C-alpha atoms as a PDB file:
ATOM      1  CA  UNK A   1      64.995-119.572  36.427  1.00  0.00           C
ATOM      2  CA  UNK A   2      68.755-119.183  36.242  1.00  0.00           C
ATOM      3  CA  UNK A   3      70.987-117.673  38.898  1.00  0.00           C
ATOM      4  CA  UNK A   4      71.610-114.339  37.108  1.00  0.00           C
ATOM      5  CA  UNK A   5      67.910-113.729  36.522  1.00  0.00           C
ATOM      6  CA  UNK A   6      67.217-114.148  40.220  1.00  0.00           C
ATOM      7  CA  UNK A   7      69.623-111.364  41.122  1.00  0.00           C
ATOM      8  CA  UNK A   8      68.435-109.118  38.287  1.00  0.00           C
ATOM      9  CA  UNK A   9      64.893-109.271  39.666  1.00  0.00           C
ATOM     10  CA  UNK A  10      66.146-108.450  43.168  1.00  0.00           C
ATOM     11  CA  UNK A  11      68.118-105.478  41.853  1.00  0.00           C
ATOM     12  CA  UNK A  12      64.975-104.209  40.158  1.00  0.00           C
ATOM     13  CA  UNK A  13      63.077-104.413  43.424  1.00  0.00           C
ATOM     14  CA  UNK A  14      65.813-102.509  45.269  1.00  0.00           C
ATOM     15  CA  UNK A  15      65.833 -99.790  42.609  1.00  0.00           C
ATOM     16  CA  UNK A  16      62.034 -99.649  42.718  1.00  0.00           C
ATOM     17  CA  UNK A  17      62.001 -99.169  46.492  1.00  0.00           C
ATOM     18  CA  UNK A  18      64.615 -96.423  46.283  1.00  0.00           C
ATOM     19  CA  UNK A  19      62.781 -94.624  43.466  1.00  0.00           C
ATOM     20  CA  UNK A  20      59.521 -94.791  45.420  1.00  0.00           C
ATOM     21  CA  UNK A  21      61.288 -93.277  48.438  1.00  0.00           C
ATOM     22  CA  UNK A  22      62.488 -90.443  46.184  1.00  0.00           C
ATOM     23  CA  UNK A  23      58.942 -89.622  45.109  1.00  0.00           C
ATOM     24  CA  UNK A  24      58.932 -91.393  41.739  1.00  0.00           C
ATOM     25  CA  UNK A  25      55.927 -93.732  41.874  1.00  0.00           C
ATOM     26  CA  UNK A  26      55.728 -94.123  38.092  1.00  0.00           C
ATOM     27  CA  UNK A  27      59.358 -95.196  37.821  1.00  0.00           C
ATOM     28  CA  UNK A  28      59.150 -97.496  40.835  1.00  0.00           C
ATOM     29  CA  UNK A  29      57.125-100.290  39.209  1.00  0.00           C
ATOM     30  CA  UNK A  30      59.589-103.247  39.377  1.00  0.00           C
ATOM     31  CA  UNK A  31      58.172-104.949  36.289  1.00  0.00           C
ATOM     32  CA  UNK A  32      58.530-101.831  34.169  1.00  0.00           C
ATOM     33  CA  UNK A  33      61.851-100.876  35.760  1.00  0.00           C
ATOM     34  CA  UNK A  34      63.214-104.238  34.636  1.00  0.00           C
ATOM     35  CA  UNK A  35      63.353-102.826  31.092  1.00  0.00           C
ATOM     36  CA  UNK A  36      66.280-100.646  32.199  1.00  0.00           C
ATOM     37  CA  UNK A  37      69.748-102.017  32.847  1.00  0.00           C
ATOM     38  CA  UNK A  38      71.537-101.316  36.134  1.00  0.00           C
ATOM     39  CA  UNK A  39      73.391 -98.269  34.811  1.00  0.00           C
ATOM     40  CA  UNK A  40      70.177 -96.647  33.583  1.00  0.00           C
ATOM     41  CA  UNK A  41      68.462 -97.444  36.891  1.00  0.00           C
ATOM     42  CA  UNK A  42      71.344 -95.840  38.769  1.00  0.00           C
ATOM     43  CA  UNK A  43      71.100 -92.759  36.564  1.00  0.00           C
ATOM     44  CA  UNK A  44      67.365 -92.550  37.266  1.00  0.00           C
ATOM     45  CA  UNK A  45      68.060 -92.776  40.999  1.00  0.00           C
ATOM     46  CA  UNK A  46      70.573 -89.932  40.887  1.00  0.00           C
ATOM     47  CA  UNK A  47      68.368 -87.737  38.701  1.00  0.00           C
ATOM     48  CA  UNK A  48      65.423 -88.403  41.023  1.00  0.00           C
ATOM     49  CA  UNK A  49      67.480 -87.453  44.059  1.00  0.00           C
ATOM     50  CA  UNK A  50      68.609 -84.268  42.364  1.00  0.00           C
ATOM     51  CA  UNK A  51      65.037 -83.438  41.347  1.00  0.00           C
ATOM     52  CA  UNK A  52      64.192 -83.616  45.072  1.00  0.00           C
ATOM     53  CA  UNK A  53      66.825 -80.937  45.708  1.00  0.00           C
ATOM     54  CA  UNK A  54      69.721 -83.089  46.889  1.00  0.00           C
ATOM     55  CA  UNK A  55      73.185 -81.862  45.981  1.00  0.00           C
ATOM     56  CA  UNK A  56      76.615 -83.190  46.679  1.00  0.00           C
ATOM     57  CA  UNK A  57      77.983 -86.639  46.064  1.00  0.00           C
ATOM     58  CA  UNK A  58      77.827 -87.757  49.707  1.00  0.00           C
ATOM     59  CA  UNK A  59      74.160 -86.820  50.164  1.00  0.00           C
ATOM     60  CA  UNK A  60      73.203 -88.399  46.855  1.00  0.00           C
ATOM     61  CA  UNK A  61      75.189 -91.535  47.668  1.00  0.00           C
ATOM     62  CA  UNK A  62      73.501 -91.955  51.057  1.00  0.00           C
ATOM     63  CA  UNK A  63      69.995 -91.236  49.776  1.00  0.00           C
ATOM     64  CA  UNK A  64      70.238 -93.491  46.712  1.00  0.00           C
ATOM     65  CA  UNK A  65      72.248 -96.282  48.307  1.00  0.00           C
ATOM     66  CA  UNK A  66      74.839 -96.065  45.531  1.00  0.00           C
ATOM     67  CA  UNK A  67      78.558 -96.002  46.213  1.00  0.00           C
ATOM     68  CA  UNK A  68      80.326 -92.648  46.284  1.00  0.00           C
ATOM     69  CA  UNK A  69      82.405 -93.548  43.223  1.00  0.00           C
ATOM     70  CA  UNK A  70      79.324 -94.570  41.215  1.00  0.00           C
ATOM     71  CA  UNK A  71      77.465 -91.415  42.235  1.00  0.00           C
ATOM     72  CA  UNK A  72      80.458 -89.199  41.399  1.00  0.00           C
ATOM     73  CA  UNK A  73      80.891 -90.842  37.988  1.00  0.00           C
ATOM     74  CA  UNK A  74      77.237 -90.237  37.179  1.00  0.00           C
ATOM     75  CA  UNK A  75      77.445 -86.614  38.348  1.00  0.00           C
ATOM     76  CA  UNK A  76      80.494 -86.091  36.131  1.00  0.00           C
ATOM     77  CA  UNK A  77      78.658 -87.531  33.122  1.00  0.00           C
ATOM     78  CA  UNK A  78      75.543 -85.477  33.885  1.00  0.00           C
ATOM     79  CA  UNK A  79      77.551 -82.273  34.091  1.00  0.00           C
ATOM     80  CA  UNK A  80      79.325 -83.059  30.815  1.00  0.00           C
ATOM     81  CA  UNK A  81      76.046 -83.618  28.972  1.00  0.00           C
ATOM     82  CA  UNK A  82      74.252 -80.698  30.615  1.00  0.00           C
ATOM     83  CA  UNK A  83      71.826 -82.467  32.947  1.00  0.00           C
ATOM     84  CA  UNK A  84      73.314 -80.675  35.966  1.00  0.00           C
ATOM     85  CA  UNK A  85      74.968 -77.288  36.251  1.00  0.00           C
ATOM     86  CA  UNK A  86      78.349 -76.390  37.739  1.00  0.00           C
ATOM     87  CA  UNK A  87      76.808 -76.000  41.224  1.00  0.00           C
ATOM     88  CA  UNK A  88      75.344 -79.502  41.055  1.00  0.00           C
ATOM     89  CA  UNK A  89      71.690 -78.528  40.537  1.00  0.00           C
ATOM     90  CA  UNK A  90      69.573 -80.416  38.030  1.00  0.00           C
ATOM     91  CA  UNK A  91      68.978 -78.438  34.834  1.00  0.00           C
ATOM     92  CA  UNK A  92      65.915 -78.240  32.625  1.00  0.00           C
ATOM     93  CA  UNK A  93      67.550 -80.850  30.364  1.00  0.00           C
ATOM     94  CA  UNK A  94      67.917 -83.213  33.318  1.00  0.00           C
ATOM     95  CA  UNK A  95      64.292 -82.732  34.304  1.00  0.00           C
ATOM     96  CA  UNK A  96      63.236 -83.385  30.708  1.00  0.00           C
ATOM     97  CA  UNK A  97      65.201 -86.656  30.701  1.00  0.00           C
ATOM     98  CA  UNK A  98      63.544 -87.739  33.937  1.00  0.00           C
ATOM     99  CA  UNK A  99      60.119 -86.884  32.520  1.00  0.00           C
ATOM    100  CA  UNK A 100      60.962 -88.729  29.313  1.00  0.00           C
ATOM    101  CA  UNK A 101      61.859 -91.855  31.289  1.00  0.00           C
ATOM    102  CA  UNK A 102      58.514 -91.670  33.099  1.00  0.00           C
ATOM    103  CA  UNK A 103      56.645 -91.311  29.802  1.00  0.00           C
ATOM    104  CA  UNK A 104      58.557 -94.096  28.065  1.00  0.00           C
ATOM    105  CA  UNK A 105      57.557 -96.479  30.828  1.00  0.00           C
ATOM    106  CA  UNK A 106      53.909 -95.461  30.596  1.00  0.00           C
ATOM    107  CA  UNK A 107      53.910 -96.019  26.839  1.00  0.00           C
ATOM    108  CA  UNK A 108      55.169 -99.579  27.090  1.00  0.00           C
ATOM    109  CA  UNK A 109      52.377-102.073  26.965  1.00  0.00           C
ATOM    110  CA  UNK A 110      52.947-105.739  27.623  1.00  0.00           C
ATOM    111  CA  UNK A 111      52.561-107.770  24.470  1.00  0.00           C
ATOM    112  CA  UNK A 112      51.662-111.435  24.535  1.00  0.00           C
ATOM    113  CA  UNK A 113      54.642-113.692  24.004  1.00  0.00           C
ATOM    114  CA  UNK A 114      52.694-116.350  22.174  1.00  0.00           C
ATOM    115  CA  UNK A 115      50.342-116.275  19.206  1.00  0.00           C
ATOM    116  CA  UNK A 116      47.750-118.448  20.940  1.00  0.00           C
ATOM    117  CA  UNK A 117      46.632-115.766  23.400  1.00  0.00           C
ATOM    118  CA  UNK A 118      45.948-113.283  20.586  1.00  0.00           C
ATOM    119  CA  UNK A 119      42.537-113.696  18.995  1.00  0.00           C
ATOM    120  CA  UNK A 120      41.954-112.866  15.345  1.00  0.00           C
ATOM    121  CA  UNK A 121      38.414-113.196  13.976  1.00  0.00           C
ATOM    122  CA  UNK A 122      38.032-115.698  11.165  1.00  0.00           C
ATOM    123  CA  UNK A 123      37.062-112.948   8.738  1.00  0.00           C
ATOM    124  CA  UNK A 124      40.427-111.242   9.268  1.00  0.00           C
ATOM    125  CA  UNK A 125      42.579-114.331   8.873  1.00  0.00           C
ATOM    126  CA  UNK A 126      44.342-114.644   5.582  1.00  0.00           C
END
């Protein structure tokens, strides 16, 4: 295991714990959350906090554990793309994105990485 991979796993665990605390048990599986990069995980944290009714950059920053600048940048992006309204409340589009993230994780099934663990009956082999 290389040095970067060690920290990536730890980041996934931190994001998972924070998502679980925000009431997102589906998104908080560290193994499945590892499919998202840090920016996507941060966006999921902010959307989850907003879905719980949190508004304002300082409250979101404290609750998610993200820096104020990171939280503000995400809020700016979300407002530009219509995931939050001008008062800082999550919109239907934002809720749909959060739901979509939950569903995309559920749909992912682990595939074997080697051909040996997959069995094909002799009659189906070419």
